[in-house]
Amino acid sequence: MLIRQGEPLCEVFVMVDGAADVLVDGVKVGRVVAGEFMGEMSFLTETNCGATVVASEDCMVQVIDRDSFAAVIRFRPQTMFVLARTLAERLVRANLASVAGVRP
């Protein structure tokens, strides 16, 4: 288990290699693969996690704490573009699922 629903995070994760399933209330709602962020919403909003993330295969994950995150953004500003795209894609999927009356 990489992230547990309902718990706070003090870091954000990046899947370097491998894959993980995203579950909300025990129901699979997505998958995280290499290059994608995990826990970014909880990290950025300083709220509890809305989902559980469980490795579905061997994974290599980069853990970035708040201080390191600021340094990453300073030295690799394109990271914010990747993070913004991740958030936007997840919002689009959630909106489409909401309109269809299903979980994202």
N, C-alpha and C. Protein backbone atom coordinates (compact mmCIF):
# COMPACT_ATOMS: atom_id res chain seq x y z
N MET A 1 0.86 -1.17 0.00
CA MET A 1 0.00 0.00 0.00
C MET A 1 0.91 1.24 0.00
N LEU A 2 0.69 2.10 -0.97
CA LEU A 2 1.50 3.31 -1.08
C LEU A 2 0.83 4.49 -0.39
N ILE A 3 -0.48 4.57 -0.53
CA ILE A 3 -1.27 5.66 0.06
C ILE A 3 -2.54 5.04 0.62
N ARG A 4 -2.95 5.53 1.79
CA ARG A 4 -4.18 5.01 2.42
C ARG A 4 -5.24 6.12 2.46
N GLN A 5 -6.42 5.82 1.93
CA GLN A 5 -7.53 6.75 1.93
C GLN A 5 -7.82 7.24 3.35
N GLY A 6 -8.04 8.54 3.48
CA GLY A 6 -8.40 9.13 4.77
C GLY A 6 -7.22 9.61 5.60
N GLU A 7 -6.01 9.30 5.17
CA GLU A 7 -4.84 9.73 5.92
C GLU A 7 -4.20 10.95 5.27
N PRO A 8 -3.55 11.80 6.07
CA PRO A 8 -2.87 12.97 5.52
C PRO A 8 -1.54 12.57 4.87
N LEU A 9 -1.06 13.41 3.97
CA LEU A 9 0.25 13.20 3.35
C LEU A 9 1.11 14.44 3.54
N CYS A 10 2.38 14.22 3.77
CA CYS A 10 3.35 15.32 3.85
C CYS A 10 4.30 15.26 2.67
N GLU A 11 3.96 14.43 1.71
CA GLU A 11 4.79 14.28 0.53
C GLU A 11 3.92 13.93 -0.67
N VAL A 12 4.52 14.08 -1.83
CA VAL A 12 3.88 13.67 -3.07
C VAL A 12 4.75 12.56 -3.65
N PHE A 13 4.14 11.66 -4.40
CA PHE A 13 4.85 10.52 -4.96
C PHE A 13 4.83 10.60 -6.48
N VAL A 14 5.90 10.10 -7.09
CA VAL A 14 5.97 9.96 -8.54
C VAL A 14 6.30 8.51 -8.83
N MET A 15 5.49 7.88 -9.66
CA MET A 15 5.73 6.50 -10.05
C MET A 15 6.87 6.52 -11.08
N VAL A 16 8.01 5.98 -10.70
CA VAL A 16 9.16 5.94 -11.59
C VAL A 16 9.09 4.70 -12.48
N ASP A 17 8.70 3.58 -11.89
CA ASP A 17 8.58 2.34 -12.64
C ASP A 17 7.52 1.48 -11.98
N GLY A 18 6.78 0.74 -12.77
CA GLY A 18 5.74 -0.12 -12.23
C GLY A 18 4.36 0.49 -12.40
N ALA A 19 3.41 -0.04 -11.64
CA ALA A 19 2.03 0.43 -11.72
C ALA A 19 1.31 0.15 -10.40
N ALA A 20 0.26 0.91 -10.17
CA ALA A 20 -0.54 0.75 -8.95
C ALA A 20 -2.00 1.02 -9.27
N ASP A 21 -2.87 0.40 -8.49
CA ASP A 21 -4.31 0.61 -8.63
C ASP A 21 -4.76 1.68 -7.64
N VAL A 22 -5.73 2.49 -8.08
CA VAL A 22 -6.31 3.53 -7.24
C VAL A 22 -7.70 3.07 -6.84
N LEU A 23 -7.97 3.06 -5.52
CA LEU A 23 -9.25 2.58 -5.00
C LEU A 23 -9.90 3.65 -4.14
N VAL A 24 -11.20 3.83 -4.33
CA VAL A 24 -11.99 4.70 -3.47
C VAL A 24 -13.04 3.83 -2.80
N ASP A 25 -13.00 3.82 -1.49
CA ASP A 25 -13.90 2.96 -0.71
C ASP A 25 -13.83 1.51 -1.17
N GLY A 26 -12.62 1.06 -1.54
CA GLY A 26 -12.40 -0.33 -1.94
C GLY A 26 -12.73 -0.64 -3.39
N VAL A 27 -13.21 0.35 -4.15
CA VAL A 27 -13.57 0.15 -5.55
C VAL A 27 -12.49 0.74 -6.44
N LYS A 28 -11.98 -0.06 -7.39
CA LYS A 28 -10.94 0.42 -8.29
C LYS A 28 -11.51 1.50 -9.21
N VAL A 29 -10.84 2.66 -9.19
CA VAL A 29 -11.31 3.78 -10.02
C VAL A 29 -10.24 4.25 -11.00
N GLY A 30 -9.04 3.69 -10.91
CA GLY A 30 -7.98 4.13 -11.81
C GLY A 30 -6.71 3.35 -11.62
N ARG A 31 -5.71 3.78 -12.35
CA ARG A 31 -4.40 3.12 -12.34
C ARG A 31 -3.34 4.20 -12.49
N VAL A 32 -2.24 4.04 -11.80
CA VAL A 32 -1.11 4.96 -11.90
C VAL A 32 0.04 4.20 -12.53
N VAL A 33 0.67 4.81 -13.54
CA VAL A 33 1.79 4.19 -14.24
C VAL A 33 3.00 5.12 -14.18
N ALA A 34 4.11 4.64 -14.69
CA ALA A 34 5.36 5.39 -14.66
C ALA A 34 5.16 6.81 -15.20
N GLY A 35 5.73 7.78 -14.46
CA GLY A 35 5.67 9.18 -14.86
C GLY A 35 4.52 9.94 -14.25
N GLU A 36 3.61 9.25 -13.56
CA GLU A 36 2.44 9.92 -12.99
C GLU A 36 2.62 10.20 -11.51
N PHE A 37 1.97 11.28 -11.07
CA PHE A 37 1.97 11.66 -9.66
C PHE A 37 0.92 10.87 -8.90
N MET A 38 1.16 10.74 -7.59
CA MET A 38 0.18 10.14 -6.68
C MET A 38 0.15 11.01 -5.43
N GLY A 39 -1.04 11.21 -4.89
CA GLY A 39 -1.18 11.96 -3.66
C GLY A 39 -1.06 13.46 -3.81
N GLU A 40 -1.07 13.92 -5.04
CA GLU A 40 -0.84 15.34 -5.29
C GLU A 40 -1.95 16.23 -4.76
N MET A 41 -3.20 15.77 -4.82
CA MET A 41 -4.30 16.62 -4.33
C MET A 41 -4.23 16.79 -2.82
N SER A 42 -4.02 15.70 -2.12
CA SER A 42 -3.88 15.77 -0.67
C SER A 42 -2.67 16.61 -0.28
N PHE A 43 -1.57 16.40 -0.97
CA PHE A 43 -0.34 17.14 -0.71
C PHE A 43 -0.53 18.64 -0.91
N LEU A 44 -1.12 19.02 -2.02
CA LEU A 44 -1.28 20.44 -2.34
C LEU A 44 -2.34 21.13 -1.49
N THR A 45 -3.40 20.41 -1.14
CA THR A 45 -4.49 21.03 -0.37
C THR A 45 -4.36 20.80 1.13
N GLU A 46 -3.38 19.98 1.50
CA GLU A 46 -3.15 19.64 2.91
C GLU A 46 -4.42 19.05 3.55
N THR A 47 -5.06 18.16 2.79
CA THR A 47 -6.24 17.44 3.27
C THR A 47 -5.94 15.94 3.25
N ASN A 48 -6.82 15.17 3.85
CA ASN A 48 -6.63 13.72 3.86
C ASN A 48 -6.82 13.14 2.47
N CYS A 49 -6.19 12.01 2.22
CA CYS A 49 -6.23 11.36 0.92
C CYS A 49 -7.64 10.89 0.58
N GLY A 50 -8.02 11.09 -0.65
CA GLY A 50 -9.34 10.68 -1.11
C GLY A 50 -9.35 9.28 -1.68
N ALA A 51 -8.19 8.65 -1.78
CA ALA A 51 -8.12 7.32 -2.38
C ALA A 51 -6.96 6.54 -1.76
N THR A 52 -7.05 5.24 -1.92
CA THR A 52 -5.96 4.34 -1.55
C THR A 52 -5.23 3.97 -2.83
N VAL A 53 -3.93 3.88 -2.77
CA VAL A 53 -3.13 3.46 -3.92
C VAL A 53 -2.33 2.23 -3.51
N VAL A 54 -2.53 1.14 -4.25
CA VAL A 54 -1.90 -0.14 -3.94
C VAL A 54 -1.09 -0.61 -5.15
N ALA A 55 0.16 -0.96 -4.91
CA ALA A 55 1.01 -1.46 -5.99
C ALA A 55 0.38 -2.72 -6.59
N SER A 56 0.29 -2.76 -7.91
CA SER A 56 -0.24 -3.95 -8.58
C SER A 56 0.90 -4.78 -9.18
N GLU A 57 2.11 -4.25 -9.08
CA GLU A 57 3.33 -4.94 -9.51
C GLU A 57 4.49 -4.28 -8.80
N ASP A 58 5.70 -4.79 -8.98
CA ASP A 58 6.85 -4.15 -8.37
C ASP A 58 6.94 -2.71 -8.84
N CYS A 59 7.19 -1.81 -7.90
CA CYS A 59 7.21 -0.38 -8.21
C CYS A 59 8.49 0.27 -7.70
N MET A 60 8.90 1.31 -8.40
CA MET A 60 9.91 2.22 -7.89
C MET A 60 9.22 3.58 -7.83
N VAL A 61 9.20 4.16 -6.63
CA VAL A 61 8.46 5.39 -6.39
C VAL A 61 9.40 6.45 -5.84
N GLN A 62 9.33 7.64 -6.38
CA GLN A 62 10.09 8.77 -5.82
C GLN A 62 9.18 9.49 -4.83
N VAL A 63 9.68 9.72 -3.63
CA VAL A 63 8.94 10.42 -2.59
C VAL A 63 9.53 11.81 -2.48
N ILE A 64 8.66 12.83 -2.59
CA ILE A 64 9.13 14.22 -2.55
C ILE A 64 8.41 14.93 -1.41
N ASP A 65 9.18 15.34 -0.38
CA ASP A 65 8.58 16.06 0.74
C ASP A 65 8.41 17.54 0.38
N ARG A 66 7.79 18.31 1.25
CA ARG A 66 7.48 19.71 0.95
C ARG A 66 8.72 20.54 0.61
N ASP A 67 9.77 20.42 1.41
CA ASP A 67 10.98 21.19 1.14
C ASP A 67 11.61 20.80 -0.19
N SER A 68 11.67 19.52 -0.45
CA SER A 68 12.24 19.04 -1.71
C SER A 68 11.36 19.43 -2.90
N PHE A 69 10.05 19.43 -2.70
CA PHE A 69 9.12 19.80 -3.77
C PHE A 69 9.40 21.22 -4.25
N ALA A 70 9.61 22.12 -3.31
CA ALA A 70 9.92 23.51 -3.68
C ALA A 70 11.21 23.57 -4.51
N ALA A 71 12.20 22.79 -4.13
CA ALA A 71 13.46 22.77 -4.87
C ALA A 71 13.26 22.17 -6.27
N VAL A 72 12.48 21.10 -6.35
CA VAL A 72 12.20 20.48 -7.66
C VAL A 72 11.55 21.50 -8.59
N ILE A 73 10.57 22.23 -8.09
CA ILE A 73 9.88 23.23 -8.92
C ILE A 73 10.83 24.34 -9.35
N ARG A 74 11.70 24.74 -8.45
CA ARG A 74 12.65 25.81 -8.75
C ARG A 74 13.62 25.39 -9.85
N PHE A 75 14.12 24.15 -9.77
CA PHE A 75 15.13 23.69 -10.72
C PHE A 75 14.57 22.97 -11.94
N ARG A 76 13.32 22.52 -11.84
CA ARG A 76 12.68 21.85 -12.97
C ARG A 76 11.24 22.35 -13.09
N PRO A 77 11.08 23.60 -13.52
CA PRO A 77 9.73 24.19 -13.56
C PRO A 77 8.74 23.43 -14.43
N GLN A 78 9.21 22.63 -15.38
CA GLN A 78 8.31 21.84 -16.22
C GLN A 78 7.54 20.82 -15.39
N THR A 79 8.01 20.53 -14.20
CA THR A 79 7.31 19.61 -13.30
C THR A 79 5.91 20.14 -12.98
N MET A 80 5.78 21.46 -12.84
CA MET A 80 4.46 22.04 -12.57
C MET A 80 3.51 21.83 -13.73
N PHE A 81 4.02 21.84 -14.95
CA PHE A 81 3.18 21.58 -16.11
C PHE A 81 2.67 20.14 -16.06
N VAL A 82 3.54 19.20 -15.74
CA VAL A 82 3.14 17.79 -15.65
C VAL A 82 2.12 17.61 -14.53
N LEU A 83 2.35 18.26 -13.40
CA LEU A 83 1.42 18.17 -12.28
C LEU A 83 0.07 18.79 -12.64
N ALA A 84 0.09 19.95 -13.28
CA ALA A 84 -1.16 20.60 -13.69
C ALA A 84 -1.93 19.73 -14.69
N ARG A 85 -1.22 19.11 -15.62
CA ARG A 85 -1.88 18.23 -16.59
C ARG A 85 -2.50 17.03 -15.89
N THR A 86 -1.79 16.46 -14.92
CA THR A 86 -2.32 15.33 -14.15
C THR A 86 -3.62 15.72 -13.46
N LEU A 87 -3.60 16.86 -12.79
CA LEU A 87 -4.80 17.33 -12.09
C LEU A 87 -5.95 17.59 -13.06
N ALA A 88 -5.65 18.21 -14.19
CA ALA A 88 -6.69 18.51 -15.17
C ALA A 88 -7.30 17.23 -15.75
N GLU A 89 -6.47 16.25 -16.07
CA GLU A 89 -6.98 14.99 -16.62
C GLU A 89 -7.87 14.27 -15.62
N ARG A 90 -7.47 14.29 -14.35
CA ARG A 90 -8.28 13.64 -13.33
C ARG A 90 -9.59 14.37 -13.11
N LEU A 91 -9.58 15.67 -13.21
CA LEU A 91 -10.80 16.46 -13.07
C LEU A 91 -11.75 16.18 -14.23
N VAL A 92 -11.22 16.10 -15.44
CA VAL A 92 -12.06 15.78 -16.61
C VAL A 92 -12.70 14.41 -16.44
N ARG A 93 -11.91 13.40 -16.02
CA ARG A 93 -12.47 12.06 -15.82
C ARG A 93 -13.55 12.07 -14.74
N ALA A 94 -13.32 12.81 -13.66
CA ALA A 94 -14.32 12.88 -12.58
C ALA A 94 -15.59 13.57 -13.07
N ASN A 95 -15.45 14.63 -13.85
CA ASN A 95 -16.62 15.33 -14.38
C ASN A 95 -17.42 14.45 -15.33
N LEU A 96 -16.71 13.72 -16.21
CA LEU A 96 -17.40 12.82 -17.14
C LEU A 96 -18.13 11.72 -16.38
N ALA A 97 -17.49 11.18 -15.37
CA ALA A 97 -18.11 10.13 -14.57
C ALA A 97 -19.32 10.66 -13.82
N SER A 98 -19.24 11.89 -13.35
CA SER A 98 -20.34 12.51 -12.63
C SER A 98 -21.57 12.68 -13.54
N VAL A 99 -21.31 13.11 -14.76
CA VAL A 99 -22.39 13.30 -15.73
C VAL A 99 -23.02 11.96 -16.08
N ALA A 100 -22.19 10.93 -16.17
CA ALA A 100 -22.68 9.60 -16.52
C ALA A 100 -23.27 8.87 -15.32
N GLY A 101 -23.06 9.46 -14.12
CA GLY A 101 -23.61 8.85 -12.91
C GLY A 101 -22.82 7.67 -12.40
N VAL A 102 -21.53 7.63 -12.75
CA VAL A 102 -20.67 6.54 -12.27
C VAL A 102 -19.46 7.13 -11.57
N ARG A 103 -18.71 6.26 -10.90
CA ARG A 103 -17.48 6.71 -10.24
C ARG A 103 -16.42 6.95 -11.29
N PRO A 104 -15.50 7.91 -11.05
CA PRO A 104 -14.41 8.19 -12.02
C PRO A 104 -13.50 7.00 -12.22
